[in-house]
Amino acid sequence: MTKFSSRMKLGGYLLAILCMAASAWIPADRAHAANAASLTTVGQLSAAQKPAGVPDDYVVTPNGYFAASCVVAIHQGDKLQAGGMIERANGALEKPATCTQPNYTLQGDRIEPNGQHVTVLGHAPPPVQSGWVQDANYASSTPIGRIVATWTVPSQPSKRGSQVIYFFPGLEQLPNVQSILQPVLGWNGYGDKAWTLASWNCCVNGTTFHSDPIAAHAGDVVVGDTYSNCAPGVACSSWNIDSRNTTTGQTTTLTTNPYADLTWVFGGVLEVYSVATCNQYPGGPITFSNVQVYDRNNNHVSNPPWQGTNTSGITPQCGYGLQTTASTVTISY
């Protein structure tokens, strides 16, 4: 080998090392935006279903329409701390770029990054205005420490368009919602016309956070498990949201701070975007089974007083219905 070729080879090694180092130093906001870019965008929705005033480069989330820069991925082993600070798996602390853009509901209502909620009868409204079609919920008099539910991935919609479908149980606060913890099964959430699982927490300082998605398929059995990582009786700042595909053995977890006591309980929710006809829904009905709720002291809530959302004003009307027992939530559509 000549000295010139040796120098070339050495230069190649140095260039590779510099490239790897540079990739590790990509600004956090650019890395997060690249991750969020794979989510379905408003521009991909059918023209008739796109909300007026929402930019085409906004992405569809289980919490409405967000600028991609306001959607942050929390990877496996990372932890979301107070104020949106991220503790990466290697121990490094990272503060995402501040979200400066508003988000929007399904109907195109604007919500500023400060996260202020309009109150109705003294309560912040649930995200039903952001696409919730049907849900079973109740307000707990004591803080919740865990909710776990099981359901089966339905068949794909017979008409596969640009619609986005989400199913999940979840927890929020009352009367002032500061966050929502959700293990989410989504169809076409990533512009892929396929089922995926991811865990979400929205919306600290206007930002919505999610774990890395994993695949799911019709017939797979899913478990959504949201729980405190602290001992019973402790107001805990560390929670896990596990979205588990028991058929494949994969789990995607978001470790997060709930930001306040969680007292609003959702045993099952159907949320949709860009649905114009009933055949754009997946096979149904869907049943969330073995729904188990525990309070902060690890006491099992034996008979949750489920209530339902009124769906009379939703278009299209697709035979919506809700049935509940102590441990099941069945949503019809």
C-alpha atoms as a PDB file:
ATOM      1  CA  MET A   1       0.000   0.000   0.000  1.00  0.00           C
ATOM      2  CA  THR A   2       1.407   3.412  -0.911  1.00  0.00           C
ATOM      3  CA  LYS A   3       1.731   6.293   1.537  1.00  0.00           C
ATOM      4  CA  PHE A   4      -0.935   8.126  -0.460  1.00  0.00           C
ATOM      5  CA  SER A   5      -3.432   5.255  -0.195  1.00  0.00           C
ATOM      6  CA  SER A   6      -2.610   4.915   3.513  1.00  0.00           C
ATOM      7  CA  ARG A   7      -3.337   8.590   4.004  1.00  0.00           C
ATOM      8  CA  MET A   8      -6.568   8.176   2.019  1.00  0.00           C
ATOM      9  CA  LYS A   9      -7.592   5.239   4.178  1.00  0.00           C
ATOM     10  CA  LEU A  10      -6.740   7.148   7.369  1.00  0.00           C
ATOM     11  CA  GLY A  11      -8.658  10.129   6.050  1.00  0.00           C
ATOM     12  CA  GLY A  12     -11.648   7.882   5.396  1.00  0.00           C
ATOM     13  CA  TYR A  13     -11.558   6.627   8.970  1.00  0.00           C
ATOM     14  CA  LEU A  14     -11.351  10.178  10.302  1.00  0.00           C
ATOM     15  CA  LEU A  15     -14.217  11.286   8.065  1.00  0.00           C
ATOM     16  CA  ALA A  16     -16.379   8.404   9.273  1.00  0.00           C
ATOM     17  CA  ILE A  17     -15.616   9.260  12.892  1.00  0.00           C
ATOM     18  CA  LEU A  18     -16.434  12.929  12.297  1.00  0.00           C
ATOM     19  CA  CYS A  19     -19.703  11.991  10.583  1.00  0.00           C
ATOM     20  CA  MET A  20     -20.707   9.772  13.490  1.00  0.00           C
ATOM     21  CA  ALA A  21     -19.826  12.489  15.968  1.00  0.00           C
ATOM     22  CA  ALA A  22     -21.747  15.070  13.961  1.00  0.00           C
ATOM     23  CA  SER A  23     -24.812  12.845  13.881  1.00  0.00           C
ATOM     24  CA  ALA A  24     -24.635  12.563  17.672  1.00  0.00           C
ATOM     25  CA  TRP A  25     -24.588  16.356  17.921  1.00  0.00           C
ATOM     26  CA  ILE A  26     -27.716  16.967  15.812  1.00  0.00           C
ATOM     27  CA  PRO A  27     -29.778  19.586  17.670  1.00  0.00           C
ATOM     28  CA  ALA A  28     -32.628  18.057  19.642  1.00  0.00           C
ATOM     29  CA  ASP A  29     -35.296  20.046  17.834  1.00  0.00           C
ATOM     30  CA  ARG A  30     -34.125  18.757  14.436  1.00  0.00           C
ATOM     31  CA  ALA A  31     -34.013  15.152  15.661  1.00  0.00           C
ATOM     32  CA  HIS A  32     -37.504  15.385  17.124  1.00  0.00           C
ATOM     33  CA  ALA A  33     -38.918  17.053  14.034  1.00  0.00           C
ATOM     34  CA  ALA A  34     -37.504  14.266  11.876  1.00  0.00           C
ATOM     35  CA  ASN A  35     -39.234  11.688  14.094  1.00  0.00           C
ATOM     36  CA  ALA A  36     -42.545  13.537  14.046  1.00  0.00           C
ATOM     37  CA  ALA A  37     -42.348  13.941  10.278  1.00  0.00           C
ATOM     38  CA  SER A  38     -43.346  10.288   9.900  1.00  0.00           C
ATOM     39  CA  LEU A  39     -46.729  10.972  11.519  1.00  0.00           C
ATOM     40  CA  THR A  40     -49.719  11.494   9.215  1.00  0.00           C
ATOM     41  CA  THR A  41     -49.920  15.133   8.181  1.00  0.00           C
ATOM     42  CA  VAL A  42     -52.957  17.346   7.697  1.00  0.00           C
ATOM     43  CA  GLY A  43     -51.927  17.646   4.045  1.00  0.00           C
ATOM     44  CA  GLN A  44     -52.439  13.884   3.637  1.00  0.00           C
ATOM     45  CA  LEU A  45     -56.069  14.071   4.790  1.00  0.00           C
ATOM     46  CA  SER A  46     -58.869  14.199   2.236  1.00  0.00           C
ATOM     47  CA  ALA A  47     -59.624  17.741   1.107  1.00  0.00           C
ATOM     48  CA  ALA A  48     -63.217  17.530   2.350  1.00  0.00           C
ATOM     49  CA  GLN A  49     -62.056  16.512   5.833  1.00  0.00           C
ATOM     50  CA  LYS A  50     -59.190  18.952   6.348  1.00  0.00           C
ATOM     51  CA  PRO A  51     -59.983  21.560   9.008  1.00  0.00           C
ATOM     52  CA  ALA A  52     -59.885  25.155   7.810  1.00  0.00           C
ATOM     53  CA  GLY A  53     -56.947  27.171   9.085  1.00  0.00           C
ATOM     54  CA  VAL A  54     -54.746  24.230  10.103  1.00  0.00           C
ATOM     55  CA  PRO A  55     -51.433  24.183   8.189  1.00  0.00           C
ATOM     56  CA  ASP A  56     -50.853  21.194   5.904  1.00  0.00           C
ATOM     57  CA  ASP A  57     -47.507  20.404   7.564  1.00  0.00           C
ATOM     58  CA  TYR A  58     -49.142  19.860  10.966  1.00  0.00           C
ATOM     59  CA  VAL A  59     -49.335  16.226  12.130  1.00  0.00           C
ATOM     60  CA  VAL A  60     -52.249  14.192  13.485  1.00  0.00           C
ATOM     61  CA  THR A  61     -51.852  13.036  17.102  1.00  0.00           C
ATOM     62  CA  PRO A  62     -54.205  11.481  19.691  1.00  0.00           C
ATOM     63  CA  ASN A  63     -54.523  15.033  21.037  1.00  0.00           C
ATOM     64  CA  GLY A  64     -55.345  16.986  17.901  1.00  0.00           C
ATOM     65  CA  TYR A  65     -53.240  18.650  15.234  1.00  0.00           C
ATOM     66  CA  PHE A  66     -49.710  19.734  16.223  1.00  0.00           C
ATOM     67  CA  ALA A  67     -46.716  21.342  14.562  1.00  0.00           C
ATOM     68  CA  ALA A  68     -44.060  18.654  14.079  1.00  0.00           C
ATOM     69  CA  SER A  69     -41.636  20.716  16.171  1.00  0.00           C
ATOM     70  CA  CYS A  70     -44.075  20.374  19.110  1.00  0.00           C
ATOM     71  CA  VAL A  71     -44.086  16.541  18.975  1.00  0.00           C
ATOM     72  CA  VAL A  72     -41.202  14.917  20.859  1.00  0.00           C
ATOM     73  CA  ALA A  73     -40.124  11.263  20.888  1.00  0.00           C
ATOM     74  CA  ILE A  74     -39.068   9.742  24.212  1.00  0.00           C
ATOM     75  CA  HIS A  75     -37.064   6.658  23.334  1.00  0.00           C
ATOM     76  CA  GLN A  76     -36.883   3.398  25.256  1.00  0.00           C
ATOM     77  CA  GLY A  77     -34.897   3.967  28.460  1.00  0.00           C
ATOM     78  CA  ASP A  78     -35.413   7.732  28.413  1.00  0.00           C
ATOM     79  CA  LYS A  79     -37.499   9.533  31.060  1.00  0.00           C
ATOM     80  CA  LEU A  80     -39.731  12.574  30.710  1.00  0.00           C
ATOM     81  CA  GLN A  81     -39.311  14.782  33.768  1.00  0.00           C
ATOM     82  CA  ALA A  82     -41.025  17.902  35.073  1.00  0.00           C
ATOM     83  CA  GLY A  83     -41.279  20.845  32.689  1.00  0.00           C
ATOM     84  CA  GLY A  84     -40.549  18.656  29.668  1.00  0.00           C
ATOM     85  CA  MET A  85     -36.921  17.927  30.613  1.00  0.00           C
ATOM     86  CA  ILE A  86     -35.747  14.594  29.173  1.00  0.00           C
ATOM     87  CA  GLU A  87     -33.302  12.322  30.957  1.00  0.00           C
ATOM     88  CA  ARG A  88     -31.797  10.156  28.230  1.00  0.00           C
ATOM     89  CA  ALA A  89     -30.868   6.528  28.891  1.00  0.00           C
ATOM     90  CA  ASN A  90     -27.187   7.509  29.198  1.00  0.00           C
ATOM     91  CA  GLY A  91     -28.037   9.968  31.997  1.00  0.00           C
ATOM     92  CA  ALA A  92     -27.712  13.115  29.862  1.00  0.00           C
ATOM     93  CA  LEU A  93     -30.368  15.789  30.404  1.00  0.00           C
ATOM     94  CA  GLU A  94     -31.965  17.458  27.420  1.00  0.00           C
ATOM     95  CA  LYS A  95     -34.466  20.271  27.157  1.00  0.00           C
ATOM     96  CA  PRO A  96     -36.476  20.145  23.910  1.00  0.00           C
ATOM     97  CA  ALA A  97     -36.929  23.325  21.939  1.00  0.00           C
ATOM     98  CA  THR A  98     -39.808  25.386  23.322  1.00  0.00           C
ATOM     99  CA  CYS A  99     -43.052  24.900  21.429  1.00  0.00           C
ATOM    100  CA  THR A 100     -44.078  28.280  20.035  1.00  0.00           C
ATOM    101  CA  GLN A 101     -46.889  27.200  17.703  1.00  0.00           C
ATOM    102  CA  PRO A 102     -50.538  26.554  18.583  1.00  0.00           C
ATOM    103  CA  ASN A 103     -52.259  23.208  18.245  1.00  0.00           C
ATOM    104  CA  TYR A 104     -55.771  22.636  16.924  1.00  0.00           C
ATOM    105  CA  THR A 105     -58.770  20.458  17.702  1.00  0.00           C
ATOM    106  CA  LEU A 106     -60.525  18.264  15.154  1.00  0.00           C
ATOM    107  CA  GLN A 107     -62.806  21.170  14.292  1.00  0.00           C
ATOM    108  CA  GLY A 108     -59.882  23.557  13.845  1.00  0.00           C
ATOM    109  CA  ASP A 109     -60.240  25.389  17.168  1.00  0.00           C
ATOM    110  CA  ARG A 110     -56.924  26.995  18.107  1.00  0.00           C
ATOM    111  CA  ILE A 111     -55.157  26.216  21.392  1.00  0.00           C
ATOM    112  CA  GLU A 112     -52.172  28.313  22.358  1.00  0.00           C
ATOM    113  CA  PRO A 113     -48.910  26.706  23.568  1.00  0.00           C
ATOM    114  CA  ASN A 114     -49.544  27.895  27.139  1.00  0.00           C
ATOM    115  CA  GLY A 115     -52.008  25.022  27.464  1.00  0.00           C
ATOM    116  CA  GLN A 116     -54.872  27.067  28.884  1.00  0.00           C
ATOM    117  CA  HIS A 117     -58.166  25.145  28.894  1.00  0.00           C
ATOM    118  CA  VAL A 118     -61.606  26.676  28.590  1.00  0.00           C
ATOM    119  CA  THR A 119     -63.667  25.494  31.551  1.00  0.00           C
ATOM    120  CA  VAL A 120     -67.230  24.241  31.305  1.00  0.00           C
ATOM    121  CA  LEU A 121     -69.247  24.064  34.536  1.00  0.00           C
ATOM    122  CA  GLY A 122     -65.997  24.307  36.472  1.00  0.00           C
ATOM    123  CA  HIS A 123     -64.341  21.430  34.609  1.00  0.00           C
ATOM    124  CA  ALA A 124     -61.859  21.471  31.767  1.00  0.00           C
ATOM    125  CA  PRO A 125     -63.514  19.766  28.803  1.00  0.00           C
ATOM    126  CA  PRO A 126     -62.178  16.353  27.776  1.00  0.00           C
ATOM    127  CA  PRO A 127     -60.478  16.125  24.385  1.00  0.00           C
ATOM    128  CA  VAL A 128     -63.781  15.022  22.851  1.00  0.00           C
ATOM    129  CA  GLN A 129     -63.535  18.182  20.744  1.00  0.00           C
ATOM    130  CA  SER A 130     -60.304  16.798  19.320  1.00  0.00           C
ATOM    131  CA  GLY A 131     -61.906  13.777  17.725  1.00  0.00           C
ATOM    132  CA  TRP A 132     -63.293  11.647  20.547  1.00  0.00           C
ATOM    133  CA  VAL A 133     -66.344   9.771  19.274  1.00  0.00           C
ATOM    134  CA  GLN A 134     -67.109   7.502  22.201  1.00  0.00           C
ATOM    135  CA  ASP A 135     -65.623   6.891  25.644  1.00  0.00           C
ATOM    136  CA  ALA A 136     -66.343   5.504  29.107  1.00  0.00           C
ATOM    137  CA  ASN A 137     -65.089   7.696  31.935  1.00  0.00           C
ATOM    138  CA  TYR A 138     -65.590   8.682  35.552  1.00  0.00           C
ATOM    139  CA  ALA A 139     -64.187  11.175  38.053  1.00  0.00           C
ATOM    140  CA  SER A 140     -62.426   9.603  41.026  1.00  0.00           C
ATOM    141  CA  SER A 141     -62.606  11.154  44.488  1.00  0.00           C
ATOM    142  CA  THR A 142     -59.083   9.853  45.209  1.00  0.00           C
ATOM    143  CA  PRO A 143     -55.914   9.896  43.062  1.00  0.00           C
ATOM    144  CA  ILE A 144     -55.433   6.911  40.777  1.00  0.00           C
ATOM    145  CA  GLY A 145     -52.289   4.764  40.834  1.00  0.00           C
ATOM    146  CA  ARG A 146     -52.901   2.439  37.894  1.00  0.00           C
ATOM    147  CA  ILE A 147     -55.228   1.496  35.043  1.00  0.00           C
ATOM    148  CA  VAL A 148     -54.723  -1.569  32.861  1.00  0.00           C
ATOM    149  CA  ALA A 149     -56.909  -2.875  30.011  1.00  0.00           C
ATOM    150  CA  THR A 150     -56.780  -5.552  27.294  1.00  0.00           C
ATOM    151  CA  TRP A 151     -58.228  -5.417  23.786  1.00  0.00           C
ATOM    152  CA  THR A 152     -57.842  -7.087  20.394  1.00  0.00           C
ATOM    153  CA  VAL A 153     -56.621  -5.285  17.291  1.00  0.00           C
ATOM    154  CA  PRO A 154     -59.596  -5.097  14.897  1.00  0.00           C
ATOM    155  CA  SER A 155     -59.559  -5.738  11.168  1.00  0.00           C
ATOM    156  CA  GLN A 156     -58.512  -2.882   8.944  1.00  0.00           C
ATOM    157  CA  PRO A 157     -61.165  -0.526   7.553  1.00  0.00           C
ATOM    158  CA  SER A 158     -62.836  -1.812   4.403  1.00  0.00           C
ATOM    159  CA  LYS A 159     -62.211   1.621   2.871  1.00  0.00           C
ATOM    160  CA  ARG A 160     -58.592   2.593   3.462  1.00  0.00           C
ATOM    161  CA  GLY A 161     -58.213   6.299   2.871  1.00  0.00           C
ATOM    162  CA  SER A 162     -56.444   9.027   4.793  1.00  0.00           C
ATOM    163  CA  GLN A 163     -58.436   8.518   8.010  1.00  0.00           C
ATOM    164  CA  VAL A 164     -56.671   8.094  11.352  1.00  0.00           C
ATOM    165  CA  ILE A 165     -58.221   5.918  14.096  1.00  0.00           C
ATOM    166  CA  TYR A 166     -57.113   5.702  17.741  1.00  0.00           C
ATOM    167  CA  PHE A 167     -58.162   3.375  20.599  1.00  0.00           C
ATOM    168  CA  PHE A 168     -56.920   3.715  24.191  1.00  0.00           C
ATOM    169  CA  PRO A 169     -57.657   3.783  27.936  1.00  0.00           C
ATOM    170  CA  GLY A 170     -56.212   6.757  29.803  1.00  0.00           C
ATOM    171  CA  LEU A 171     -55.863   9.044  32.813  1.00  0.00           C
ATOM    172  CA  GLU A 172     -56.153  12.813  33.235  1.00  0.00           C
ATOM    173  CA  GLN A 173     -56.605  15.409  35.985  1.00  0.00           C
ATOM    174  CA  LEU A 174     -59.703  17.232  37.217  1.00  0.00           C
ATOM    175  CA  PRO A 175     -60.736  20.013  37.294  1.00  0.00           C
ATOM    176  CA  ASN A 176     -57.691  21.381  35.432  1.00  0.00           C
ATOM    177  CA  VAL A 177     -56.249  18.998  32.861  1.00  0.00           C
ATOM    178  CA  GLN A 178     -52.455  19.219  32.762  1.00  0.00           C
ATOM    179  CA  SER A 179     -51.670  15.972  30.987  1.00  0.00           C
ATOM    180  CA  ILE A 180     -53.226  12.832  29.557  1.00  0.00           C
ATOM    181  CA  LEU A 181     -51.476   9.466  29.825  1.00  0.00           C
ATOM    182  CA  GLN A 182     -52.449   7.133  26.970  1.00  0.00           C
ATOM    183  CA  PRO A 183     -51.315   3.709  25.689  1.00  0.00           C
ATOM    184  CA  VAL A 184     -52.583   4.086  22.104  1.00  0.00           C
ATOM    185  CA  LEU A 185     -53.438   1.678  19.299  1.00  0.00           C
ATOM    186  CA  GLY A 186     -53.571   3.674  16.066  1.00  0.00           C
ATOM    187  CA  TRP A 187     -54.445   2.969  12.439  1.00  0.00           C
ATOM    188  CA  ASN A 188     -52.657   5.102   9.818  1.00  0.00           C
ATOM    189  CA  GLY A 189     -51.076   7.192  12.549  1.00  0.00           C
ATOM    190  CA  TYR A 190     -47.803   7.167  10.627  1.00  0.00           C
ATOM    191  CA  GLY A 191     -49.182   7.532   7.103  1.00  0.00           C
ATOM    192  CA  ASP A 192     -48.766   3.772   6.722  1.00  0.00           C
ATOM    193  CA  LYS A 193     -52.358   2.434   6.543  1.00  0.00           C
ATOM    194  CA  ALA A 194     -51.347  -0.033   9.254  1.00  0.00           C
ATOM    195  CA  TRP A 195     -51.806  -0.614  12.994  1.00  0.00           C
ATOM    196  CA  THR A 196     -49.169   0.644  15.428  1.00  0.00           C
ATOM    197  CA  LEU A 197     -48.812   1.001  19.194  1.00  0.00           C
ATOM    198  CA  ALA A 198     -47.255   3.946  21.024  1.00  0.00           C
ATOM    199  CA  SER A 199     -47.550   5.592  24.450  1.00  0.00           C
ATOM    200  CA  TRP A 200     -48.394   9.313  24.711  1.00  0.00           C
ATOM    201  CA  ASN A 201     -48.443  12.173  27.244  1.00  0.00           C
ATOM    202  CA  CYS A 202     -49.804  15.573  26.249  1.00  0.00           C
ATOM    203  CA  CYS A 203     -49.453  18.601  26.523  1.00  0.00           C
ATOM    204  CA  VAL A 204     -46.761  20.155  28.712  1.00  0.00           C
ATOM    205  CA  ASN A 205     -46.064  23.712  27.506  1.00  0.00           C
ATOM    206  CA  GLY A 206     -47.857  22.920  24.261  1.00  0.00           C
ATOM    207  CA  THR A 207     -45.745  19.825  23.494  1.00  0.00           C
ATOM    208  CA  THR A 208     -47.011  16.264  23.095  1.00  0.00           C
ATOM    209  CA  PHE A 209     -44.627  13.389  23.870  1.00  0.00           C
ATOM    210  CA  HIS A 210     -44.696   9.791  22.634  1.00  0.00           C
ATOM    211  CA  SER A 211     -42.676   6.585  22.736  1.00  0.00           C
ATOM    212  CA  ASP A 212     -41.292   4.835  19.666  1.00  0.00           C
ATOM    213  CA  PRO A 213     -44.094   3.011  17.783  1.00  0.00           C
ATOM    214  CA  ILE A 214     -44.210  -0.761  17.385  1.00  0.00           C
ATOM    215  CA  ALA A 215     -46.198  -2.828  14.896  1.00  0.00           C
ATOM    216  CA  ALA A 216     -49.567  -4.487  15.477  1.00  0.00           C
ATOM    217  CA  HIS A 217     -51.830  -6.561  13.244  1.00  0.00           C
ATOM    218  CA  ALA A 218     -55.462  -7.607  13.195  1.00  0.00           C
ATOM    219  CA  GLY A 219     -56.074 -10.264  15.852  1.00  0.00           C
ATOM    220  CA  ASP A 220     -53.120  -9.278  18.040  1.00  0.00           C
ATOM    221  CA  VAL A 221     -53.932  -8.929  21.743  1.00  0.00           C
ATOM    222  CA  VAL A 222     -52.955  -5.567  23.219  1.00  0.00           C
ATOM    223  CA  VAL A 223     -52.476  -4.558  26.859  1.00  0.00           C
ATOM    224  CA  GLY A 224     -52.361  -0.897  27.856  1.00  0.00           C
ATOM    225  CA  ASP A 225     -50.903  -0.477  31.342  1.00  0.00           C
ATOM    226  CA  THR A 226     -50.444   2.962  32.947  1.00  0.00           C
ATOM    227  CA  TYR A 227     -49.019   2.930  36.466  1.00  0.00           C
ATOM    228  CA  SER A 228     -47.065   4.741  39.168  1.00  0.00           C
ATOM    229  CA  ASN A 229     -43.465   3.683  39.735  1.00  0.00           C
ATOM    230  CA  CYS A 230     -43.617   4.655  43.421  1.00  0.00           C
ATOM    231  CA  ALA A 231     -44.720   2.824  46.546  1.00  0.00           C
ATOM    232  CA  PRO A 232     -48.443   2.868  47.478  1.00  0.00           C
ATOM    233  CA  GLY A 233     -49.609   6.139  48.992  1.00  0.00           C
ATOM    234  CA  VAL A 234     -46.900   8.277  47.380  1.00  0.00           C
ATOM    235  CA  ALA A 235     -47.653  11.230  45.066  1.00  0.00           C
ATOM    236  CA  CYS A 236     -45.388   9.952  42.316  1.00  0.00           C
ATOM    237  CA  SER A 237     -43.494  11.946  39.688  1.00  0.00           C
ATOM    238  CA  SER A 238     -42.495   8.830  37.718  1.00  0.00           C
ATOM    239  CA  TRP A 239     -45.040   6.767  35.782  1.00  0.00           C
ATOM    240  CA  ASN A 240     -44.803   4.174  33.037  1.00  0.00           C
ATOM    241  CA  ILE A 241     -47.196   3.954  30.113  1.00  0.00           C
ATOM    242  CA  ASP A 242     -46.762   0.480  28.593  1.00  0.00           C
ATOM    243  CA  SER A 243     -48.301  -0.312  25.199  1.00  0.00           C
ATOM    244  CA  ARG A 244     -47.781  -4.059  24.924  1.00  0.00           C
ATOM    245  CA  ASN A 245     -48.441  -6.382  21.992  1.00  0.00           C
ATOM    246  CA  THR A 246     -48.723  -9.701  23.797  1.00  0.00           C
ATOM    247  CA  THR A 247     -48.926 -11.589  20.498  1.00  0.00           C
ATOM    248  CA  THR A 248     -45.506 -10.438  19.297  1.00  0.00           C
ATOM    249  CA  GLY A 249     -44.004  -9.908  22.749  1.00  0.00           C
ATOM    250  CA  GLN A 250     -43.052  -6.286  22.002  1.00  0.00           C
ATOM    251  CA  THR A 251     -43.670  -3.370  24.371  1.00  0.00           C
ATOM    252  CA  THR A 252     -43.153   0.345  23.864  1.00  0.00           C
ATOM    253  CA  THR A 253     -42.899   2.329  27.105  1.00  0.00           C
ATOM    254  CA  LEU A 254     -43.051   6.014  27.923  1.00  0.00           C
ATOM    255  CA  THR A 255     -41.620   6.849  31.352  1.00  0.00           C
ATOM    256  CA  THR A 256     -43.078  10.200  32.283  1.00  0.00           C
ATOM    257  CA  ASN A 257     -44.075  12.738  34.912  1.00  0.00           C
ATOM    258  CA  PRO A 258     -47.883  13.089  35.130  1.00  0.00           C
ATOM    259  CA  TYR A 259     -47.491  16.673  36.485  1.00  0.00           C
ATOM    260  CA  ALA A 260     -50.402  16.338  38.944  1.00  0.00           C
ATOM    261  CA  ASP A 261     -52.680  13.781  40.594  1.00  0.00           C
ATOM    262  CA  LEU A 262     -54.646  11.728  38.076  1.00  0.00           C
ATOM    263  CA  THR A 263     -58.343  11.522  38.929  1.00  0.00           C
ATOM    264  CA  TRP A 264     -60.154  11.356  35.574  1.00  0.00           C
ATOM    265  CA  VAL A 265     -60.344   7.732  34.435  1.00  0.00           C
ATOM    266  CA  PHE A 266     -61.054   6.516  30.881  1.00  0.00           C
ATOM    267  CA  GLY A 267     -61.704   2.799  30.463  1.00  0.00           C
ATOM    268  CA  GLY A 268     -61.829   2.987  26.672  1.00  0.00           C
ATOM    269  CA  VAL A 269     -61.869   5.693  24.010  1.00  0.00           C
ATOM    270  CA  LEU A 270     -62.474   5.815  20.247  1.00  0.00           C
ATOM    271  CA  GLU A 271     -60.921   8.863  18.556  1.00  0.00           C
ATOM    272  CA  VAL A 272     -61.019   9.544  14.802  1.00  0.00           C
ATOM    273  CA  TYR A 273     -59.794  12.014  12.203  1.00  0.00           C
ATOM    274  CA  SER A 274     -60.863  12.402   8.562  1.00  0.00           C
ATOM    275  CA  VAL A 275     -63.677   9.820   8.742  1.00  0.00           C
ATOM    276  CA  ALA A 276     -66.371  10.675   6.175  1.00  0.00           C
ATOM    277  CA  THR A 277     -68.175   7.345   5.730  1.00  0.00           C
ATOM    278  CA  CYS A 278     -68.923   4.428   8.042  1.00  0.00           C
ATOM    279  CA  ASN A 279     -66.861   1.966   5.987  1.00  0.00           C
ATOM    280  CA  GLN A 280     -63.776   3.965   6.942  1.00  0.00           C
ATOM    281  CA  TYR A 281     -64.020   2.497  10.443  1.00  0.00           C
ATOM    282  CA  PRO A 282     -62.191  -0.743  11.284  1.00  0.00           C
ATOM    283  CA  GLY A 283     -64.084  -3.902  12.134  1.00  0.00           C
ATOM    284  CA  GLY A 284     -66.130  -3.493  15.271  1.00  0.00           C
ATOM    285  CA  PRO A 285     -67.367  -3.339  17.918  1.00  0.00           C
ATOM    286  CA  ILE A 286     -64.257  -3.239  20.113  1.00  0.00           C
ATOM    287  CA  THR A 287     -64.178  -4.365  23.742  1.00  0.00           C
ATOM    288  CA  PHE A 288     -61.674  -3.234  26.340  1.00  0.00           C
ATOM    289  CA  SER A 289     -61.701  -6.203  28.710  1.00  0.00           C
ATOM    290  CA  ASN A 290     -60.243  -6.914  32.133  1.00  0.00           C
ATOM    291  CA  VAL A 291     -60.202  -3.165  32.813  1.00  0.00           C
ATOM    292  CA  GLN A 292     -58.652  -2.822  36.268  1.00  0.00           C
ATOM    293  CA  VAL A 293     -58.371   0.462  38.157  1.00  0.00           C
ATOM    294  CA  TYR A 294     -56.374   0.976  41.356  1.00  0.00           C
ATOM    295  CA  ASP A 295     -56.174   4.052  43.556  1.00  0.00           C
ATOM    296  CA  ARG A 296     -52.917   5.538  44.810  1.00  0.00           C
ATOM    297  CA  ASN A 297     -52.958   3.205  47.840  1.00  0.00           C
ATOM    298  CA  ASN A 298     -53.183   0.198  45.495  1.00  0.00           C
ATOM    299  CA  ASN A 299     -56.811  -0.473  46.423  1.00  0.00           C
ATOM    300  CA  HIS A 300     -58.729  -2.081  43.578  1.00  0.00           C
ATOM    301  CA  VAL A 301     -61.746  -0.057  42.376  1.00  0.00           C
ATOM    302  CA  SER A 302     -64.241  -2.913  42.170  1.00  0.00           C
ATOM    303  CA  ASN A 303     -67.086  -1.123  40.401  1.00  0.00           C
ATOM    304  CA  PRO A 304     -66.022   1.991  38.481  1.00  0.00           C
ATOM    305  CA  PRO A 305     -69.040   4.292  37.894  1.00  0.00           C
ATOM    306  CA  TRP A 306     -68.539   4.563  34.128  1.00  0.00           C
ATOM    307  CA  GLN A 307     -70.306   7.326  32.216  1.00  0.00           C
ATOM    308  CA  GLY A 308     -70.460   7.821  28.461  1.00  0.00           C
ATOM    309  CA  THR A 309     -70.080  10.625  25.931  1.00  0.00           C
ATOM    310  CA  ASN A 310     -73.134  11.782  23.960  1.00  0.00           C
ATOM    311  CA  THR A 311     -72.492  11.090  20.257  1.00  0.00           C
ATOM    312  CA  SER A 312     -75.740  12.502  18.857  1.00  0.00           C
ATOM    313  CA  GLY A 313     -74.083  15.376  17.001  1.00  0.00           C
ATOM    314  CA  ILE A 314     -71.299  13.408  15.318  1.00  0.00           C
ATOM    315  CA  THR A 315     -71.105  13.038  11.542  1.00  0.00           C
ATOM    316  CA  PRO A 316     -71.250  10.478  10.066  1.00  0.00           C
ATOM    317  CA  GLN A 317     -73.666   8.541  12.282  1.00  0.00           C
ATOM    318  CA  CYS A 318     -72.481   4.931  12.334  1.00  0.00           C
ATOM    319  CA  GLY A 319     -74.545   3.119  14.968  1.00  0.00           C
ATOM    320  CA  TYR A 320     -72.421   4.368  17.848  1.00  0.00           C
ATOM    321  CA  GLY A 321     -73.001   2.711  21.193  1.00  0.00           C
ATOM    322  CA  LEU A 322     -71.397   2.162  24.574  1.00  0.00           C
ATOM    323  CA  GLN A 323     -71.863  -0.696  27.006  1.00  0.00           C
ATOM    324  CA  THR A 324     -69.962  -1.110  30.266  1.00  0.00           C
ATOM    325  CA  THR A 325     -69.596  -3.564  33.125  1.00  0.00           C
ATOM    326  CA  ALA A 326     -67.321  -3.358  36.145  1.00  0.00           C
ATOM    327  CA  SER A 327     -64.391  -4.584  34.027  1.00  0.00           C
ATOM    328  CA  THR A 328     -65.363  -4.087  30.359  1.00  0.00           C
ATOM    329  CA  VAL A 329     -65.992  -1.208  27.982  1.00  0.00           C
ATOM    330  CA  THR A 330     -67.537  -2.035  24.606  1.00  0.00           C
ATOM    331  CA  ILE A 331     -67.650   0.650  21.912  1.00  0.00           C
ATOM    332  CA  SER A 332     -69.863   0.123  18.870  1.00  0.00           C
ATOM    333  CA  TYR A 333     -69.585   1.942  15.556  1.00  0.00           C
END
